[in-house]
Amino acid sequence: MWKFLAIGIALFVMYKLFMGDKKNTEVQSEKVVKDKVASGEMVKDPSCGTYVEKDGSIRIREGEKVHVFCSYECRDKFLKELEATSKEIPEE
């Protein structure tokens, strides 16, 4: 009986240690992202709002502004919205 109780307590303690470590890791990674956003190393994807590295490989240039995307799907969505917007404005 005592053996099962000791094993149960040991498993509970290990579970708590693991879950606490997992939470600390998540908090630290969120802090790293916030620091990178504040320093300008990460920018917001204009399509979905996800923060991506400023030097990301999926990007387009619109005039002087460079947009960086998290995926090709977001890039394509942005291009379709941009195209629809430009068709709505008649050229004079």
Protein backbone atom coordinates (compact mmCIF):
# COMPACT_ATOMS: atom_id res chain seq x y z
CA MET A 1 0.00 0.00 0.00
CA TRP A 2 2.76 2.47 0.95
CA LYS A 3 4.65 1.55 -2.21
CA PHE A 4 1.72 2.64 -4.42
CA LEU A 5 1.29 5.84 -2.46
CA ALA A 6 5.01 6.66 -2.80
CA ILE A 7 4.92 5.93 -6.54
CA GLY A 8 1.81 8.08 -6.93
CA ILE A 9 3.40 10.99 -5.09
CA ALA A 10 6.60 10.66 -7.14
CA LEU A 11 4.61 10.67 -10.40
CA PHE A 12 2.63 13.71 -9.23
CA VAL A 13 5.82 15.60 -8.37
CA MET A 14 7.37 14.72 -11.75
CA TYR A 15 4.19 15.88 -13.52
CA LYS A 16 4.25 19.22 -11.69
CA LEU A 17 7.94 19.72 -12.48
CA PHE A 18 7.37 18.97 -16.16
CA MET A 19 4.32 21.23 -16.46
CA GLY A 20 6.07 24.05 -14.62
CA ASP A 21 9.06 23.80 -16.94
CA LYS A 22 6.78 23.81 -19.98
CA LYS A 23 5.04 26.97 -18.76
CA ASN A 24 8.39 28.69 -18.10
CA THR A 25 9.53 27.83 -21.62
CA GLU A 26 6.34 29.32 -23.11
CA VAL A 27 6.71 32.50 -21.05
CA GLN A 28 10.34 32.88 -22.10
CA SER A 29 9.55 32.40 -25.80
CA GLU A 30 6.75 34.99 -25.58
CA LYS A 31 9.22 37.42 -23.97
CA VAL A 32 11.75 36.83 -26.76
CA VAL A 33 9.10 37.61 -29.40
CA LYS A 34 8.02 40.78 -27.56
CA ASP A 35 11.65 41.92 -27.33
CA LYS A 36 12.20 41.29 -31.04
CA VAL A 37 9.03 43.18 -31.95
CA ALA A 38 10.09 46.10 -29.78
CA SER A 39 13.55 46.19 -31.34
CA GLY A 40 12.17 45.99 -34.89
CA GLU A 41 13.59 42.54 -35.68
CA MET A 42 10.07 41.16 -36.17
CA VAL A 43 7.19 42.73 -38.08
CA LYS A 44 3.49 41.97 -38.33
CA ASP A 45 2.15 39.99 -41.29
CA PRO A 46 -0.39 42.37 -42.92
CA SER A 47 -2.66 39.50 -43.85
CA CYS A 48 -3.06 37.41 -40.68
CA GLY A 49 -1.29 39.47 -38.01
CA THR A 50 1.36 36.90 -37.10
CA TYR A 51 4.76 38.30 -36.18
CA VAL A 52 7.54 37.16 -38.52
CA GLU A 53 11.26 37.86 -38.82
CA LYS A 54 11.94 41.11 -40.67
CA ASP A 55 14.41 39.25 -42.90
CA GLY A 56 11.80 36.61 -43.87
CA SER A 57 12.00 35.13 -47.35
CA ILE A 58 8.33 35.63 -48.29
CA ARG A 59 8.01 39.30 -49.10
CA ILE A 60 6.69 41.76 -51.64
CA ARG A 61 7.44 45.40 -52.31
CA GLU A 62 4.61 47.92 -52.64
CA GLY A 63 6.17 51.21 -53.62
CA GLU A 64 8.71 51.99 -50.90
CA LYS A 65 7.12 49.64 -48.37
CA VAL A 66 8.20 46.00 -48.01
CA HIS A 67 5.63 43.53 -46.65
CA VAL A 68 6.84 40.30 -45.05
CA PHE A 69 4.55 37.25 -44.76
CA CYS A 70 4.42 34.09 -42.68
CA SER A 71 3.29 31.89 -45.59
CA TYR A 72 2.61 31.91 -49.30
CA GLU A 73 -1.11 31.64 -48.56
CA CYS A 74 -1.02 34.93 -46.63
CA ARG A 75 1.00 36.57 -49.41
CA ASP A 76 -1.49 35.43 -52.06
CA LYS A 77 -4.42 36.62 -49.94
CA PHE A 78 -2.77 40.05 -49.54
CA LEU A 79 -2.09 40.28 -53.29
CA LYS A 80 -5.74 39.47 -54.08
CA GLU A 81 -6.91 42.15 -51.62
CA LEU A 82 -4.45 44.63 -53.11
CA GLU A 83 -5.62 43.81 -56.63
CA ALA A 84 -9.29 44.18 -55.64
CA THR A 85 -8.56 47.54 -54.00
CA SER A 86 -6.74 48.86 -57.06
CA LYS A 87 -9.65 47.84 -59.33
CA GLU A 88 -12.13 49.73 -57.14
CA ILE A 89 -10.25 53.03 -57.58
CA PRO A 90 -10.82 54.34 -61.14
CA GLU A 91 -7.80 55.90 -62.77
CA GLU A 92 -8.27 59.40 -64.18
